[in-house]
């Protein structure tokens, strides 16, 4: 069972405020202060410092936060394993981002279930930031994500490398034109309406980082439509309501059918990895790597 003072520390990390942490934990503020002071004395270092009126984690504090989240994850996983001790059925709690969950996960899970018919699989489909939070809380063993994550906090394996492309409906004409012989640039699309995933989505974060490298932003487009469902996004693109940027895997069928086409851009040739991630330093890391091999194996 994780030390109650570590739970206090993690609450302060979440709130960066002793009073709010005390309210969350239903204890007094002096008790919070005492717990943090005990940890600082035990580890021989400051965990928080003040910068003006703002409380921030020290580097040592950030390391302890990462270790504490891994310990919490492992504690929940261990508790479930102990509860199922002696059972022949393997219980797997995994997450996937929406693109992966819709277009990659089904065939992957089908292969896994054929190899491990005794396994009980529980899948959560959400955006990257939500999945990482669920891993931290111990509610997921691991997740397949397309978004960015801290390499300091999570171990990972690359599942696949996917093309990330700008798309439009088959009959849609951008204001800059779409003739292959006249290769346009990303900035030439700013006059279009952009269909984009919600904040926290890996698909959106990839685009935001690409645009940032070109000194552009999603806000530079003429109009933004935020859609949290890929099928709705694809339908609206096909109907000519704007352009979007999605993984080729998500629109492969529409590209083959000709209802959606790639916009040829002179300065846009992007590939991005899909990652299999779990808490860094987890005692179950070796087991997760074995499961990763089974999930990736297509034979």
Foldseek 3Di string as FASTA:
>chain_A
DDDVLLVLLLLCVVVVDLCSSCVVVVHDSVVSVVSQVVVCVVVVHHQWDDDDPGIDGDPVVVLSNLVSLLVQLQVLVVVVCVVCPPPPEAEAFEEEEDLCVVQPPPLLVVLLCVVPVRYHYHYYYHADVVRVVCLSNNNHQWYWHQADDDPSWKDKDFLDKFWKFKKAFLPAAAPVGQDPVDAAAPVSRQAWEEEEEDPRHRSRRVVQVVQVVVVHGPVSHPHYDYDNHLVVVVVCRLVGRTMYMGTCSSCVVVCVVSRMDTRGHPPDTDMTTTMIIHTPPRPCVVVSVVVSVSSSDPD
